[in-house]
Amino acid sequence: PISFFYKELMEVYPDAKVLLNVRDPAKWYESVRGSILRLMNTLNKWPCTWFSSLVGMRETLSLVQALSKPIPTCSTMGLGMFDVVSDSKEKAIKFYAEHVEEVKKHVPEHKLLVWEVKEGWGPLCKFLGVPEPSTPFPRVNDTAEMMQTRRKILILSWTVIVIFPLLLAILGIFLFVYYVIL
């Protein structure tokens, strides 16, 4: 979501270069819908809300949600990223295309690299004027990784917020009956 604030970042850092990470719009939609949106929807439901508050994650999650709500100036649909992806694939693809075109129009050519992750280090390092690392280009934040994180948080949330307290209550009742009533 921070990518929607590129104009503000360019004002603060006028000499900065801008990296416009592009991909097939339909794949972008499927990725957002199946990963970060699904994860955020899960984290905004009970018992995950209580668990995230307990472990100090609530403010970070609220920030991600808040950054995804604003309607970019390029959007003709009047929706933020999560809302447009939740609405429909067609609208999400249009939203994505409008954002890409606006960035291309707004950022001076010499400061902009339109780049796909599958291109790897080469174009990125050349644009930044740095040597290519010898390590392979990282592949992170994929849908499978996000869903694994979602599953772990769900399991932890249910365990810490529901199952563990329930077991303690049952144990307490058992001990009460055993020591007090019997």
N, C-alpha and C. Protein backbone atom coordinates (compact mmCIF):
# COMPACT_ATOMS: atom_id res chain seq x y z
N PRO A 1 0.79 -1.22 0.00
CA PRO A 1 0.00 0.00 0.00
C PRO A 1 0.83 1.27 0.00
N ILE A 2 2.08 1.19 0.45
CA ILE A 2 2.92 2.39 0.51
C ILE A 2 3.18 2.95 -0.88
N SER A 3 3.04 2.12 -1.90
CA SER A 3 3.29 2.58 -3.26
C SER A 3 2.32 3.68 -3.70
N PHE A 4 1.19 3.79 -3.04
CA PHE A 4 0.23 4.84 -3.39
C PHE A 4 0.67 6.20 -2.87
N PHE A 5 1.72 6.24 -2.09
CA PHE A 5 2.21 7.50 -1.53
C PHE A 5 3.53 7.93 -2.18
N TYR A 6 3.74 7.49 -3.42
CA TYR A 6 5.00 7.80 -4.08
C TYR A 6 5.19 9.30 -4.30
N LYS A 7 4.12 10.05 -4.54
CA LYS A 7 4.25 11.50 -4.77
C LYS A 7 4.75 12.19 -3.50
N GLU A 8 4.17 11.81 -2.37
CA GLU A 8 4.60 12.39 -1.10
C GLU A 8 6.05 12.03 -0.80
N LEU A 9 6.43 10.80 -1.09
CA LEU A 9 7.81 10.38 -0.86
C LEU A 9 8.77 11.13 -1.79
N MET A 10 8.33 11.38 -3.02
CA MET A 10 9.17 12.14 -3.95
C MET A 10 9.36 13.59 -3.48
N GLU A 11 8.36 14.15 -2.82
CA GLU A 11 8.50 15.51 -2.28
C GLU A 11 9.52 15.54 -1.15
N VAL A 12 9.48 14.53 -0.30
CA VAL A 12 10.40 14.47 0.83
C VAL A 12 11.82 14.11 0.36
N TYR A 13 11.90 13.23 -0.64
CA TYR A 13 13.19 12.78 -1.18
C TYR A 13 13.25 13.10 -2.68
N PRO A 14 13.45 14.36 -3.05
CA PRO A 14 13.37 14.76 -4.46
C PRO A 14 14.43 14.12 -5.36
N ASP A 15 15.53 13.67 -4.81
CA ASP A 15 16.57 13.03 -5.64
C ASP A 15 16.41 11.52 -5.74
N ALA A 16 15.42 11.00 -5.06
CA ALA A 16 15.22 9.55 -5.05
C ALA A 16 14.77 9.04 -6.40
N LYS A 17 15.14 7.80 -6.67
CA LYS A 17 14.67 7.12 -7.87
C LYS A 17 13.43 6.31 -7.50
N VAL A 18 12.58 6.09 -8.48
CA VAL A 18 11.33 5.38 -8.24
C VAL A 18 11.33 4.06 -8.98
N LEU A 19 11.01 3.03 -8.28
CA LEU A 19 10.92 1.68 -8.84
C LEU A 19 9.45 1.33 -8.97
N LEU A 20 8.98 1.17 -10.19
CA LEU A 20 7.60 0.77 -10.45
C LEU A 20 7.61 -0.71 -10.79
N ASN A 21 7.25 -1.50 -9.80
CA ASN A 21 7.22 -2.95 -9.95
C ASN A 21 5.92 -3.33 -10.64
N VAL A 22 6.01 -3.84 -11.85
CA VAL A 22 4.81 -4.20 -12.61
C VAL A 22 4.73 -5.71 -12.80
N ARG A 23 3.52 -6.15 -13.11
CA ARG A 23 3.28 -7.56 -13.39
C ARG A 23 1.96 -7.66 -14.14
N ASP A 24 1.62 -8.85 -14.55
CA ASP A 24 0.33 -9.05 -15.20
C ASP A 24 -0.77 -8.62 -14.24
N PRO A 25 -1.65 -7.69 -14.64
CA PRO A 25 -2.68 -7.19 -13.72
C PRO A 25 -3.60 -8.27 -13.15
N ALA A 26 -3.94 -9.26 -13.95
CA ALA A 26 -4.81 -10.35 -13.45
C ALA A 26 -4.07 -11.14 -12.36
N LYS A 27 -2.77 -11.36 -12.55
CA LYS A 27 -1.99 -12.07 -11.53
C LYS A 27 -1.83 -11.21 -10.28
N TRP A 28 -1.70 -9.90 -10.45
CA TRP A 28 -1.64 -9.00 -9.30
C TRP A 28 -2.92 -9.12 -8.50
N TYR A 29 -4.06 -9.07 -9.18
CA TYR A 29 -5.36 -9.19 -8.50
C TYR A 29 -5.44 -10.50 -7.73
N GLU A 30 -5.11 -11.62 -8.39
CA GLU A 30 -5.19 -12.93 -7.74
C GLU A 30 -4.25 -12.98 -6.53
N SER A 31 -3.08 -12.39 -6.68
CA SER A 31 -2.11 -12.39 -5.59
C SER A 31 -2.61 -11.59 -4.39
N VAL A 32 -3.07 -10.37 -4.64
CA VAL A 32 -3.56 -9.53 -3.54
C VAL A 32 -4.77 -10.19 -2.88
N ARG A 33 -5.71 -10.67 -3.68
CA ARG A 33 -6.93 -11.28 -3.15
C ARG A 33 -6.62 -12.54 -2.35
N GLY A 34 -5.70 -13.35 -2.87
CA GLY A 34 -5.41 -14.62 -2.24
C GLY A 34 -4.37 -14.58 -1.15
N SER A 35 -3.71 -13.43 -0.97
CA SER A 35 -2.66 -13.38 0.05
C SER A 35 -2.92 -12.27 1.06
N ILE A 36 -2.50 -11.06 0.76
CA ILE A 36 -2.54 -9.99 1.76
C ILE A 36 -3.97 -9.64 2.16
N LEU A 37 -4.90 -9.60 1.23
CA LEU A 37 -6.29 -9.29 1.59
C LEU A 37 -6.88 -10.41 2.44
N ARG A 38 -6.63 -11.63 2.05
CA ARG A 38 -7.14 -12.76 2.83
C ARG A 38 -6.52 -12.79 4.23
N LEU A 39 -5.23 -12.52 4.30
CA LEU A 39 -4.55 -12.46 5.59
C LEU A 39 -5.14 -11.33 6.45
N MET A 40 -5.32 -10.15 5.87
CA MET A 40 -5.86 -9.03 6.62
C MET A 40 -7.30 -9.29 7.07
N ASN A 41 -8.10 -9.91 6.21
CA ASN A 41 -9.47 -10.24 6.61
C ASN A 41 -9.47 -11.21 7.79
N THR A 42 -8.57 -12.16 7.76
CA THR A 42 -8.47 -13.12 8.87
C THR A 42 -8.03 -12.41 10.15
N LEU A 43 -7.04 -11.56 10.04
CA LEU A 43 -6.50 -10.88 11.22
C LEU A 43 -7.48 -9.89 11.82
N ASN A 44 -8.47 -9.48 11.05
CA ASN A 44 -9.47 -8.54 11.55
C ASN A 44 -10.72 -9.23 12.07
N LYS A 45 -10.64 -10.54 12.32
CA LYS A 45 -11.75 -11.29 12.89
C LYS A 45 -11.30 -11.94 14.20
N TRP A 46 -12.29 -12.14 15.08
CA TRP A 46 -12.03 -12.80 16.35
C TRP A 46 -11.73 -14.27 16.10
N PRO A 47 -10.80 -14.90 16.76
CA PRO A 47 -10.01 -14.46 17.91
C PRO A 47 -8.70 -13.78 17.53
N CYS A 48 -8.45 -13.64 16.23
CA CYS A 48 -7.18 -13.04 15.80
C CYS A 48 -7.05 -11.59 16.27
N THR A 49 -8.16 -10.87 16.37
CA THR A 49 -8.09 -9.48 16.85
C THR A 49 -7.58 -9.44 18.29
N TRP A 50 -8.07 -10.34 19.11
CA TRP A 50 -7.62 -10.38 20.51
C TRP A 50 -6.17 -10.82 20.59
N PHE A 51 -5.82 -11.82 19.80
CA PHE A 51 -4.44 -12.32 19.81
C PHE A 51 -3.47 -11.24 19.35
N SER A 52 -3.81 -10.54 18.27
CA SER A 52 -2.91 -9.50 17.76
C SER A 52 -2.76 -8.37 18.78
N SER A 53 -3.81 -8.07 19.52
CA SER A 53 -3.70 -7.06 20.58
C SER A 53 -2.80 -7.57 21.71
N LEU A 54 -2.98 -8.82 22.06
CA LEU A 54 -2.19 -9.43 23.14
C LEU A 54 -0.69 -9.41 22.84
N VAL A 55 -0.33 -9.67 21.59
CA VAL A 55 1.10 -9.74 21.24
C VAL A 55 1.64 -8.42 20.67
N GLY A 56 0.81 -7.37 20.70
CA GLY A 56 1.29 -6.05 20.27
C GLY A 56 1.32 -5.83 18.77
N MET A 57 0.54 -6.59 18.01
CA MET A 57 0.53 -6.44 16.55
C MET A 57 -0.64 -5.57 16.06
N ARG A 58 -1.56 -5.23 16.91
CA ARG A 58 -2.80 -4.57 16.47
C ARG A 58 -2.53 -3.25 15.77
N GLU A 59 -1.61 -2.45 16.30
CA GLU A 59 -1.33 -1.14 15.69
C GLU A 59 -0.72 -1.31 14.30
N THR A 60 0.15 -2.28 14.12
CA THR A 60 0.74 -2.52 12.80
C THR A 60 -0.33 -2.94 11.81
N LEU A 61 -1.21 -3.83 12.23
CA LEU A 61 -2.29 -4.28 11.35
C LEU A 61 -3.24 -3.15 11.01
N SER A 62 -3.51 -2.30 11.98
CA SER A 62 -4.36 -1.14 11.73
C SER A 62 -3.71 -0.19 10.73
N LEU A 63 -2.39 -0.06 10.81
CA LEU A 63 -1.67 0.80 9.87
C LEU A 63 -1.77 0.25 8.44
N VAL A 64 -1.56 -1.05 8.28
CA VAL A 64 -1.68 -1.66 6.94
C VAL A 64 -3.09 -1.44 6.40
N GLN A 65 -4.08 -1.65 7.24
CA GLN A 65 -5.47 -1.45 6.82
C GLN A 65 -5.70 0.01 6.44
N ALA A 66 -5.20 0.92 7.25
CA ALA A 66 -5.39 2.35 6.99
C ALA A 66 -4.69 2.79 5.70
N LEU A 67 -3.50 2.24 5.44
CA LEU A 67 -2.78 2.60 4.22
C LEU A 67 -3.45 2.05 2.97
N SER A 68 -4.28 1.03 3.14
CA SER A 68 -4.97 0.43 2.00
C SER A 68 -6.33 1.06 1.73
N LYS A 69 -6.79 1.89 2.64
CA LYS A 69 -8.11 2.52 2.51
C LYS A 69 -8.13 3.76 1.61
N PRO A 70 -7.11 4.62 1.67
CA PRO A 70 -7.20 5.86 0.88
C PRO A 70 -7.41 5.56 -0.60
N ILE A 71 -8.12 6.45 -1.23
CA ILE A 71 -8.40 6.30 -2.66
C ILE A 71 -7.31 7.06 -3.42
N PRO A 72 -6.49 6.35 -4.18
CA PRO A 72 -5.44 7.03 -4.94
C PRO A 72 -6.06 8.05 -5.91
N THR A 73 -5.31 9.12 -6.15
CA THR A 73 -5.82 10.17 -7.03
C THR A 73 -6.12 9.67 -8.43
N CYS A 74 -5.47 8.60 -8.84
CA CYS A 74 -5.68 8.07 -10.19
C CYS A 74 -6.93 7.20 -10.30
N SER A 75 -7.50 6.80 -9.17
CA SER A 75 -8.63 5.86 -9.19
C SER A 75 -9.90 6.55 -9.66
N THR A 76 -10.50 6.00 -10.71
CA THR A 76 -11.76 6.55 -11.21
C THR A 76 -12.96 5.85 -10.56
N MET A 77 -12.69 4.87 -9.72
CA MET A 77 -13.78 4.10 -9.12
C MET A 77 -14.12 4.53 -7.70
N GLY A 78 -13.30 5.39 -7.11
CA GLY A 78 -13.58 5.86 -5.76
C GLY A 78 -13.38 4.80 -4.68
N LEU A 79 -12.48 3.86 -4.94
CA LEU A 79 -12.22 2.79 -3.98
C LEU A 79 -10.73 2.68 -3.70
N GLY A 80 -10.39 2.29 -2.46
CA GLY A 80 -9.01 1.98 -2.11
C GLY A 80 -8.66 0.57 -2.56
N MET A 81 -7.41 0.17 -2.37
CA MET A 81 -6.93 -1.10 -2.90
C MET A 81 -7.72 -2.31 -2.39
N PHE A 82 -7.86 -2.47 -1.08
CA PHE A 82 -8.57 -3.65 -0.57
C PHE A 82 -10.03 -3.64 -0.99
N ASP A 83 -10.64 -2.46 -1.01
CA ASP A 83 -12.05 -2.37 -1.40
C ASP A 83 -12.25 -2.74 -2.87
N VAL A 84 -11.36 -2.28 -3.73
CA VAL A 84 -11.52 -2.57 -5.15
C VAL A 84 -11.24 -4.05 -5.45
N VAL A 85 -10.27 -4.63 -4.75
CA VAL A 85 -9.98 -6.05 -4.94
C VAL A 85 -11.14 -6.90 -4.41
N SER A 86 -11.76 -6.45 -3.32
CA SER A 86 -12.92 -7.17 -2.79
C SER A 86 -14.13 -7.04 -3.71
N ASP A 87 -14.20 -5.94 -4.43
CA ASP A 87 -15.36 -5.67 -5.28
C ASP A 87 -15.41 -6.57 -6.51
N SER A 88 -14.38 -6.50 -7.37
CA SER A 88 -14.40 -7.35 -8.57
C SER A 88 -13.03 -7.38 -9.24
N LYS A 89 -12.81 -8.44 -9.98
CA LYS A 89 -11.55 -8.60 -10.71
C LYS A 89 -11.40 -7.51 -11.77
N GLU A 90 -12.48 -7.22 -12.48
CA GLU A 90 -12.43 -6.22 -13.55
C GLU A 90 -12.05 -4.84 -13.00
N LYS A 91 -12.69 -4.46 -11.89
CA LYS A 91 -12.39 -3.16 -11.28
C LYS A 91 -10.96 -3.13 -10.74
N ALA A 92 -10.52 -4.24 -10.16
CA ALA A 92 -9.17 -4.30 -9.61
C ALA A 92 -8.12 -4.16 -10.72
N ILE A 93 -8.35 -4.80 -11.83
CA ILE A 93 -7.42 -4.70 -12.95
C ILE A 93 -7.37 -3.27 -13.48
N LYS A 94 -8.51 -2.63 -13.57
CA LYS A 94 -8.56 -1.23 -14.01
C LYS A 94 -7.83 -0.33 -13.00
N PHE A 95 -8.06 -0.57 -11.72
CA PHE A 95 -7.40 0.17 -10.65
C PHE A 95 -5.88 0.07 -10.78
N TYR A 96 -5.40 -1.16 -10.99
CA TYR A 96 -3.97 -1.41 -11.14
C TYR A 96 -3.41 -0.66 -12.36
N ALA A 97 -4.10 -0.77 -13.48
CA ALA A 97 -3.65 -0.12 -14.71
C ALA A 97 -3.62 1.41 -14.54
N GLU A 98 -4.62 1.96 -13.88
CA GLU A 98 -4.65 3.41 -13.65
C GLU A 98 -3.46 3.84 -12.79
N HIS A 99 -3.14 3.05 -11.78
CA HIS A 99 -2.00 3.39 -10.92
C HIS A 99 -0.69 3.37 -11.72
N VAL A 100 -0.49 2.31 -12.49
CA VAL A 100 0.74 2.19 -13.28
C VAL A 100 0.87 3.37 -14.24
N GLU A 101 -0.20 3.70 -14.93
CA GLU A 101 -0.16 4.81 -15.89
C GLU A 101 0.10 6.14 -15.21
N GLU A 102 -0.51 6.34 -14.03
CA GLU A 102 -0.29 7.60 -13.32
C GLU A 102 1.17 7.74 -12.90
N VAL A 103 1.76 6.67 -12.40
CA VAL A 103 3.17 6.73 -12.00
C VAL A 103 4.04 7.06 -13.21
N LYS A 104 3.78 6.41 -14.32
CA LYS A 104 4.58 6.66 -15.53
C LYS A 104 4.46 8.11 -15.99
N LYS A 105 3.28 8.70 -15.84
CA LYS A 105 3.07 10.09 -16.26
C LYS A 105 3.70 11.07 -15.27
N HIS A 106 3.70 10.75 -14.01
CA HIS A 106 4.12 11.69 -12.97
C HIS A 106 5.64 11.68 -12.72
N VAL A 107 6.25 10.53 -12.78
CA VAL A 107 7.68 10.43 -12.44
C VAL A 107 8.52 10.69 -13.68
N PRO A 108 9.49 11.60 -13.59
CA PRO A 108 10.37 11.84 -14.74
C PRO A 108 11.06 10.55 -15.18
N GLU A 109 11.21 10.37 -16.48
CA GLU A 109 11.76 9.13 -17.04
C GLU A 109 13.11 8.75 -16.46
N HIS A 110 13.98 9.74 -16.24
CA HIS A 110 15.32 9.43 -15.73
C HIS A 110 15.31 8.96 -14.27
N LYS A 111 14.20 9.16 -13.58
CA LYS A 111 14.08 8.72 -12.19
C LYS A 111 13.25 7.46 -12.04
N LEU A 112 12.73 6.92 -13.13
CA LEU A 112 11.79 5.81 -13.06
C LEU A 112 12.34 4.55 -13.71
N LEU A 113 12.22 3.45 -13.00
CA LEU A 113 12.49 2.13 -13.57
C LEU A 113 11.19 1.34 -13.51
N VAL A 114 10.68 0.97 -14.67
CA VAL A 114 9.53 0.08 -14.75
C VAL A 114 10.11 -1.32 -14.83
N TRP A 115 9.83 -2.12 -13.84
CA TRP A 115 10.59 -3.35 -13.63
C TRP A 115 9.69 -4.48 -13.17
N GLU A 116 9.99 -5.68 -13.63
CA GLU A 116 9.30 -6.89 -13.17
C GLU A 116 10.27 -7.71 -12.33
N VAL A 117 9.76 -8.26 -11.25
CA VAL A 117 10.60 -9.05 -10.34
C VAL A 117 11.31 -10.17 -11.08
N LYS A 118 10.64 -10.78 -12.04
CA LYS A 118 11.25 -11.89 -12.77
C LYS A 118 12.50 -11.48 -13.54
N GLU A 119 12.72 -10.16 -13.72
CA GLU A 119 13.93 -9.68 -14.39
C GLU A 119 15.16 -9.80 -13.50
N GLY A 120 14.96 -9.94 -12.19
CA GLY A 120 16.08 -10.14 -11.28
C GLY A 120 16.88 -8.89 -11.02
N TRP A 121 18.14 -9.12 -10.61
CA TRP A 121 19.03 -8.04 -10.18
C TRP A 121 19.45 -7.09 -11.30
N GLY A 122 19.65 -7.61 -12.51
CA GLY A 122 20.27 -6.84 -13.59
C GLY A 122 19.75 -5.43 -13.77
N PRO A 123 18.51 -5.26 -14.23
CA PRO A 123 18.00 -3.91 -14.48
C PRO A 123 17.95 -3.05 -13.22
N LEU A 124 17.65 -3.66 -12.10
CA LEU A 124 17.55 -2.93 -10.84
C LEU A 124 18.91 -2.35 -10.45
N CYS A 125 19.94 -3.18 -10.47
CA CYS A 125 21.28 -2.73 -10.08
C CYS A 125 21.83 -1.70 -11.06
N LYS A 126 21.56 -1.92 -12.34
CA LYS A 126 22.01 -0.95 -13.35
C LYS A 126 21.36 0.40 -13.10
N PHE A 127 20.06 0.42 -12.85
CA PHE A 127 19.32 1.65 -12.58
C PHE A 127 19.86 2.37 -11.35
N LEU A 128 20.21 1.61 -10.32
CA LEU A 128 20.70 2.20 -9.08
C LEU A 128 22.20 2.48 -9.11
N GLY A 129 22.89 1.98 -10.15
CA GLY A 129 24.33 2.21 -10.26
C GLY A 129 25.14 1.45 -9.25
N VAL A 130 24.70 0.24 -8.95
CA VAL A 130 25.43 -0.60 -8.00
C VAL A 130 25.72 -1.95 -8.64
N PRO A 131 26.76 -2.65 -8.17
CA PRO A 131 27.06 -3.96 -8.74
C PRO A 131 26.00 -4.99 -8.34
N GLU A 132 25.84 -5.98 -9.20
CA GLU A 132 24.89 -7.06 -8.91
C GLU A 132 25.45 -7.96 -7.81
N PRO A 133 24.62 -8.30 -6.83
CA PRO A 133 25.08 -9.23 -5.79
C PRO A 133 25.31 -10.62 -6.37
N SER A 134 26.13 -11.38 -5.70
CA SER A 134 26.39 -12.75 -6.16
C SER A 134 25.30 -13.71 -5.69
N THR A 135 24.47 -13.26 -4.76
CA THR A 135 23.39 -14.10 -4.24
C THR A 135 22.20 -14.09 -5.20
N PRO A 136 21.45 -15.18 -5.25
CA PRO A 136 20.28 -15.21 -6.12
C PRO A 136 19.24 -14.18 -5.67
N PHE A 137 18.45 -13.72 -6.63
CA PHE A 137 17.41 -12.74 -6.31
C PHE A 137 16.38 -13.40 -5.39
N PRO A 138 16.02 -12.74 -4.29
CA PRO A 138 15.08 -13.36 -3.35
C PRO A 138 13.66 -13.45 -3.90
N ARG A 139 12.99 -14.51 -3.55
CA ARG A 139 11.58 -14.71 -3.90
C ARG A 139 10.82 -14.85 -2.59
N VAL A 140 10.27 -13.76 -2.11
CA VAL A 140 9.54 -13.76 -0.84
C VAL A 140 8.17 -13.13 -1.02
N ASN A 141 7.36 -13.25 0.01
CA ASN A 141 6.01 -12.70 0.03
C ASN A 141 5.11 -13.32 -1.03
N ASP A 142 5.34 -14.57 -1.34
CA ASP A 142 4.44 -15.21 -2.30
C ASP A 142 3.18 -15.67 -1.56
N THR A 143 2.17 -16.05 -2.31
CA THR A 143 0.89 -16.42 -1.74
C THR A 143 1.03 -17.59 -0.77
N ALA A 144 1.81 -18.59 -1.12
CA ALA A 144 1.98 -19.75 -0.24
C ALA A 144 2.57 -19.34 1.11
N GLU A 145 3.56 -18.46 1.09
CA GLU A 145 4.19 -17.98 2.32
C GLU A 145 3.18 -17.19 3.17
N MET A 146 2.38 -16.35 2.52
CA MET A 146 1.36 -15.57 3.24
C MET A 146 0.31 -16.49 3.85
N MET A 147 -0.07 -17.53 3.13
CA MET A 147 -1.09 -18.45 3.65
C MET A 147 -0.54 -19.29 4.80
N GLN A 148 0.74 -19.60 4.74
CA GLN A 148 1.37 -20.31 5.85
C GLN A 148 1.38 -19.42 7.09
N THR A 149 1.68 -18.15 6.92
CA THR A 149 1.64 -17.19 8.03
C THR A 149 0.22 -17.09 8.57
N ARG A 150 -0.76 -17.02 7.68
CA ARG A 150 -2.17 -16.93 8.08
C ARG A 150 -2.56 -18.15 8.92
N ARG A 151 -2.19 -19.34 8.46
CA ARG A 151 -2.52 -20.56 9.21
C ARG A 151 -1.88 -20.56 10.59
N LYS A 152 -0.62 -20.15 10.67
CA LYS A 152 0.07 -20.11 11.96
C LYS A 152 -0.62 -19.15 12.92
N ILE A 153 -1.00 -17.98 12.41
CA ILE A 153 -1.67 -17.00 13.26
C ILE A 153 -3.03 -17.50 13.70
N LEU A 154 -3.76 -18.16 12.80
CA LEU A 154 -5.05 -18.74 13.18
C LEU A 154 -4.89 -19.78 14.29
N ILE A 155 -3.93 -20.67 14.12
CA ILE A 155 -3.69 -21.72 15.12
C ILE A 155 -3.29 -21.10 16.46
N LEU A 156 -2.37 -20.15 16.43
CA LEU A 156 -1.94 -19.50 17.67
C LEU A 156 -3.10 -18.74 18.31
N SER A 157 -3.89 -18.04 17.51
CA SER A 157 -5.01 -17.27 18.05
C SER A 157 -6.01 -18.17 18.73
N TRP A 158 -6.41 -19.24 18.06
CA TRP A 158 -7.37 -20.16 18.66
C TRP A 158 -6.80 -20.85 19.90
N THR A 159 -5.52 -21.18 19.84
CA THR A 159 -4.89 -21.85 20.99
C THR A 159 -4.80 -20.92 22.19
N VAL A 160 -4.29 -19.73 21.99
CA VAL A 160 -4.04 -18.80 23.10
C VAL A 160 -5.33 -18.16 23.62
N ILE A 161 -6.23 -17.81 22.73
CA ILE A 161 -7.43 -17.06 23.12
C ILE A 161 -8.60 -17.97 23.49
N VAL A 162 -8.68 -19.17 22.88
CA VAL A 162 -9.85 -20.03 23.11
C VAL A 162 -9.48 -21.32 23.83
N ILE A 163 -8.63 -22.12 23.23
CA ILE A 163 -8.38 -23.48 23.73
C ILE A 163 -7.70 -23.47 25.10
N PHE A 164 -6.60 -22.72 25.23
CA PHE A 164 -5.88 -22.69 26.51
C PHE A 164 -6.77 -22.19 27.66
N PRO A 165 -7.47 -21.06 27.50
CA PRO A 165 -8.36 -20.63 28.59
C PRO A 165 -9.47 -21.64 28.87
N LEU A 166 -9.98 -22.28 27.84
CA LEU A 166 -11.02 -23.29 28.03
C LEU A 166 -10.49 -24.48 28.83
N LEU A 167 -9.29 -24.93 28.48
CA LEU A 167 -8.67 -26.02 29.24
C LEU A 167 -8.42 -25.63 30.68
N LEU A 168 -7.98 -24.40 30.91
CA LEU A 168 -7.78 -23.93 32.29
C LEU A 168 -9.11 -23.90 33.05
N ALA A 169 -10.17 -23.48 32.39
CA ALA A 169 -11.49 -23.45 33.04
C ALA A 169 -11.94 -24.86 33.39
N ILE A 170 -11.77 -25.78 32.46
CA ILE A 170 -12.15 -27.18 32.73
C ILE A 170 -11.32 -27.75 33.87
N LEU A 171 -10.03 -27.47 33.86
CA LEU A 171 -9.17 -27.92 34.96
C LEU A 171 -9.61 -27.31 36.29
N GLY A 172 -9.93 -26.02 36.26
CA GLY A 172 -10.40 -25.36 37.48
C GLY A 172 -11.69 -25.98 38.00
N ILE A 173 -12.62 -26.28 37.12
CA ILE A 173 -13.87 -26.93 37.53
C ILE A 173 -13.58 -28.31 38.09
N PHE A 174 -12.72 -29.06 37.41
CA PHE A 174 -12.35 -30.39 37.88
C PHE A 174 -11.74 -30.33 39.28
N LEU A 175 -10.79 -29.40 39.46
CA LEU A 175 -10.14 -29.27 40.77
C LEU A 175 -11.13 -28.81 41.83
N PHE A 176 -12.02 -27.92 41.49
CA PHE A 176 -13.03 -27.46 42.43
C PHE A 176 -13.92 -28.62 42.86
N VAL A 177 -14.39 -29.40 41.88
CA VAL A 177 -15.25 -30.53 42.20
C VAL A 177 -14.47 -31.57 43.02
N TYR A 178 -13.25 -31.84 42.65
CA TYR A 178 -12.45 -32.87 43.32
C TYR A 178 -12.12 -32.47 44.76
N TYR A 179 -11.67 -31.22 44.97
CA TYR A 179 -11.20 -30.81 46.29
C TYR A 179 -12.29 -30.20 47.17
N VAL A 180 -13.27 -29.57 46.59
CA VAL A 180 -14.26 -28.88 47.40
C VAL A 180 -15.53 -29.71 47.58
N ILE A 181 -16.04 -30.27 46.51
CA ILE A 181 -17.31 -30.98 46.59
C ILE A 181 -17.10 -32.40 47.05
N LEU A 182 -16.09 -33.08 46.57
CA LEU A 182 -15.86 -34.47 46.97
C LEU A 182 -15.07 -34.47 48.24
